[in-house]
Each structure stands twice: as structure tokens, then as C-alpha cells.
Amino acid sequence: MSILQWTDAEPVEIEDLPAYARAISKKREQIKKSLEELSRLEKKVPYFSEPFPIKDIRISGKPIGVYKIFHEKDMNIMSIGQGNIKGRLIRHLGVFRNKGQDIRHEGGSTSSSITAQKMYKYDSDLNNWYFSWCDVKEKGLASEFESELQHQYRPPFNALHMGGNN
């Protein structure tokens, strides 16, 4: 009995096999390059910037990494995130400045930030929020680093099951 008798899946056509083989080869090459990059990055020590008032942060370029958001009261980490640091900062600030509400764009799309919503609800004074970040240069590594840090610090604005998600 064949597995195809128990599924609606169609077998790969003979003419599709070269494309499948090329896809495997490309994926293997991507993984090889990623492993080489991780070996290079493993030799570097990650460095987080000093916490700085979030409203005054200026980030040049498009660093990929991990960030921490602190509240001034006790400088506890309230949130840890990852991705394009500058883009995430801009989104958090935009939603916060919009009184913690999603930003609705003309075309019908929205920019949301659960973190900014929670920040605003906790303390609506932007002067009381601080930001620190670390450029790790690789998206997959940033995702894993974020997850590990969230489990280590357990920031109140993060849902641990979401750590490392893209």
C-alpha cells in the first residue's frame, strides 16, 4: 500500500525533479553560509548600549539585533524585542505617541505595537522610558537571543511563548 492512497497529495512530476534538486542545493548553500556567519559572530562579544531616553535615541543604518525597554522608576526591563532596531523603535514611538493606539494609514493598513500599548497604559509620560540595543547582525541569531533573554529576565510586557517569533 502506498502513502499516496491515504492522501490527496500528488507525486512530484518527473519534470519537477530538477527544480526540486536545485532548491535543495540552494537551501544547503544558504545553511552553509549561515553556519559560517554564526562561527564568525560567535567570536564577537555582544554589547548592549547604555539605556538612553527612548525619545532621544538616534540610530543610523539598519542594525539587526535585540533591544530592551526600561522604565525609569526602577530601570527594570519591561520588554525585550528583536529585528530591525530602528524600524521597531520608530513603530513603538509612533504607537506610543498615538496614545497607545494602532496607527491607521490611508491605504487601510495599520501599524501596531503591543509593547507601546502596554508602555502607554503603564506610564503615558514618554520621558520615563529608556531604550538599549545590541546589533547582532543576523536575523535568526537575533530571534534566538531575544527568546533566551526573555526567558532569563521575564519582562512583564512580553509573552514568553512569543519570544523568537518573527
Protein backbone atom coordinates (compact mmCIF):
# COMPACT_ATOMS: atom_id res chain seq x y z
CA MET A 1 0.00 0.00 0.00
CA SER A 2 1.36 3.45 -0.94
CA ILE A 3 1.08 6.58 1.22
CA LEU A 4 -0.45 8.28 -1.82
CA GLN A 5 -3.54 6.11 -1.33
CA TRP A 6 -4.14 7.87 2.00
CA THR A 7 -3.58 11.45 0.92
CA ASP A 8 -4.69 13.87 -1.74
CA ALA A 9 -1.04 14.78 -2.44
CA GLU A 10 0.16 14.42 -5.95
CA PRO A 11 3.54 12.86 -6.55
CA VAL A 12 6.28 15.17 -7.79
CA GLU A 13 6.31 15.10 -11.57
CA ILE A 14 9.48 13.88 -13.27
CA GLU A 15 9.99 17.28 -14.94
CA ASP A 16 9.79 18.93 -11.48
CA LEU A 17 12.67 16.89 -10.04
CA PRO A 18 15.47 19.13 -11.41
CA ALA A 19 13.80 22.19 -9.82
CA TYR A 20 13.47 20.29 -6.54
CA ALA A 21 17.14 19.30 -6.66
CA ARG A 22 18.15 22.93 -7.36
CA ALA A 23 16.01 24.09 -4.42
CA ILE A 24 17.75 21.58 -2.12
CA SER A 25 21.15 22.72 -3.38
CA LYS A 26 20.32 26.41 -2.81
CA LYS A 27 18.95 25.70 0.67
CA ARG A 28 22.08 23.68 1.53
CA GLU A 29 24.26 26.62 0.39
CA GLN A 30 22.20 29.08 2.49
CA ILE A 31 22.63 26.89 5.57
CA LYS A 32 26.36 26.56 4.90
CA LYS A 33 26.74 30.35 4.67
CA SER A 34 24.62 30.83 7.78
CA LEU A 35 26.82 28.40 9.74
CA GLU A 36 29.94 30.23 8.56
CA GLU A 37 28.42 33.56 9.66
CA LEU A 38 27.46 32.12 13.06
CA SER A 39 31.01 30.85 13.56
CA ARG A 40 32.31 34.35 12.82
CA LEU A 41 29.74 36.00 15.12
CA GLU A 42 30.44 33.52 17.90
CA LYS A 43 33.88 35.11 18.30
CA LYS A 44 32.35 38.54 18.99
CA VAL A 45 31.03 39.60 22.38
CA PRO A 46 27.55 41.19 22.14
CA TYR A 47 27.40 44.72 23.51
CA PHE A 48 24.24 46.48 24.62
CA SER A 49 24.23 50.25 24.58
CA GLU A 50 23.67 52.08 27.84
CA PRO A 51 19.95 52.69 28.45
CA PHE A 52 19.11 56.10 26.99
CA PRO A 53 15.85 58.09 26.99
CA ILE A 54 13.74 56.43 24.28
CA LYS A 55 12.55 59.77 22.87
CA ASP A 56 16.16 60.87 22.24
CA ILE A 57 17.56 57.71 20.61
CA ARG A 58 19.05 58.17 17.15
CA ILE A 59 20.05 55.02 15.27
CA SER A 60 21.89 55.17 11.98
CA GLY A 61 21.75 52.44 9.37
CA LYS A 62 19.55 49.38 9.73
CA PRO A 63 21.05 47.28 12.51
CA ILE A 64 19.51 43.86 13.10
CA GLY A 65 19.55 42.87 16.72
CA VAL A 66 17.90 42.84 20.12
CA TYR A 67 16.61 45.72 22.22
CA LYS A 68 15.47 46.26 25.81
CA ILE A 69 12.93 48.80 27.03
CA PHE A 70 13.20 50.05 30.62
CA HIS A 71 11.00 52.17 32.87
CA GLU A 72 12.76 55.00 34.71
CA LYS A 73 11.20 54.20 38.11
CA ASP A 74 13.47 51.22 38.84
CA MET A 75 15.15 50.62 35.47
CA ASN A 76 13.69 47.12 35.30
CA ILE A 77 13.48 45.63 31.83
CA MET A 78 9.84 45.89 30.77
CA SER A 79 10.18 44.47 27.24
CA ILE A 80 12.73 42.71 25.04
CA GLY A 81 12.36 42.61 21.27
CA GLN A 82 14.32 41.92 18.12
CA GLY A 83 14.52 42.72 14.43
CA ASN A 84 15.37 45.90 12.57
CA ILE A 85 16.18 48.01 15.62
CA LYS A 86 15.50 51.39 14.02
CA GLY A 87 12.21 50.19 12.49
CA ARG A 88 10.99 48.71 15.77
CA LEU A 89 11.92 51.86 17.68
CA ILE A 90 10.06 54.06 15.19
CA ARG A 91 6.96 51.83 15.40
CA HIS A 92 6.95 51.74 19.22
CA LEU A 93 7.36 55.52 19.40
CA GLY A 94 4.65 56.12 16.80
CA VAL A 95 2.06 53.97 18.58
CA PHE A 96 3.03 55.38 22.00
CA ARG A 97 2.68 58.95 20.71
CA ASN A 98 -0.70 57.96 19.26
CA LYS A 99 -1.88 57.45 22.86
CA GLY A 100 -1.09 53.74 22.71
CA GLN A 101 -3.41 53.16 19.76
CA ASP A 102 -2.58 51.46 16.45
CA ILE A 103 -1.71 53.86 13.66
CA ARG A 104 -4.13 53.65 10.75
CA HIS A 105 -2.67 54.52 7.36
CA GLU A 106 -4.52 55.96 4.35
CA GLY A 107 -4.38 52.71 2.39
CA GLY A 108 -6.17 50.88 5.20
CA SER A 109 -3.15 49.18 6.75
CA THR A 110 -2.22 49.60 10.39
CA SER A 111 0.99 49.80 12.39
CA SER A 112 0.60 48.18 15.76
CA SER A 113 2.79 47.66 18.79
CA ILE A 114 1.54 45.68 21.76
CA THR A 115 4.68 46.85 23.59
CA ALA A 116 3.87 50.54 23.03
CA GLN A 117 0.26 49.94 24.09
CA LYS A 118 1.45 48.39 27.35
CA MET A 119 4.03 51.14 27.86
CA TYR A 120 1.42 53.86 27.42
CA LYS A 121 -1.03 52.15 29.75
CA TYR A 122 1.67 51.67 32.41
CA ASP A 123 3.00 55.25 32.15
CA SER A 124 1.93 57.73 29.47
CA ASP A 125 4.93 60.04 30.04
CA LEU A 126 7.44 59.23 27.30
CA ASN A 127 10.19 60.89 29.36
CA ASN A 128 10.09 57.89 31.73
CA TRP A 129 11.05 55.28 29.13
CA TYR A 130 14.57 54.14 28.20
CA PHE A 131 15.95 52.04 25.38
CA SER A 132 19.08 49.91 24.93
CA TRP A 133 20.07 47.84 21.92
CA CYS A 134 22.62 45.34 20.60
CA ASP A 135 23.47 44.80 16.93
CA VAL A 136 23.96 41.07 16.31
CA LYS A 137 23.84 41.40 12.50
CA GLU A 138 21.87 38.22 11.80
CA LYS A 139 18.08 37.83 11.99
CA GLY A 140 17.99 34.20 13.09
CA LEU A 141 20.52 34.85 15.84
CA ALA A 142 18.55 37.93 16.98
CA SER A 143 15.40 35.79 17.28
CA GLU A 144 17.16 33.17 19.40
CA PHE A 145 18.92 35.80 21.54
CA GLU A 146 15.59 37.56 22.15
CA SER A 147 13.96 34.32 23.28
CA GLU A 148 16.83 33.46 25.63
CA LEU A 149 16.82 36.95 27.16
CA GLN A 150 13.05 36.92 27.62
CA HIS A 151 13.26 33.63 29.49
CA GLN A 152 16.17 34.93 31.56
CA TYR A 153 14.61 38.28 32.57
CA ARG A 154 10.87 37.56 32.16
CA PRO A 155 9.91 41.14 31.24
CA PRO A 156 6.29 41.92 32.14
CA PHE A 157 5.34 43.22 28.67
CA ASN A 158 6.48 40.05 26.86
CA ALA A 159 4.60 36.78 26.39
CA LEU A 160 7.33 34.13 26.69
CA HIS A 161 5.72 31.86 24.11
CA MET A 162 6.17 34.64 21.54
CA GLY A 163 9.92 35.04 22.10
CA GLY A 164 11.93 34.33 18.98
CA ASN A 165 8.92 34.61 16.67
CA ASN A 166 9.31 36.74 13.60
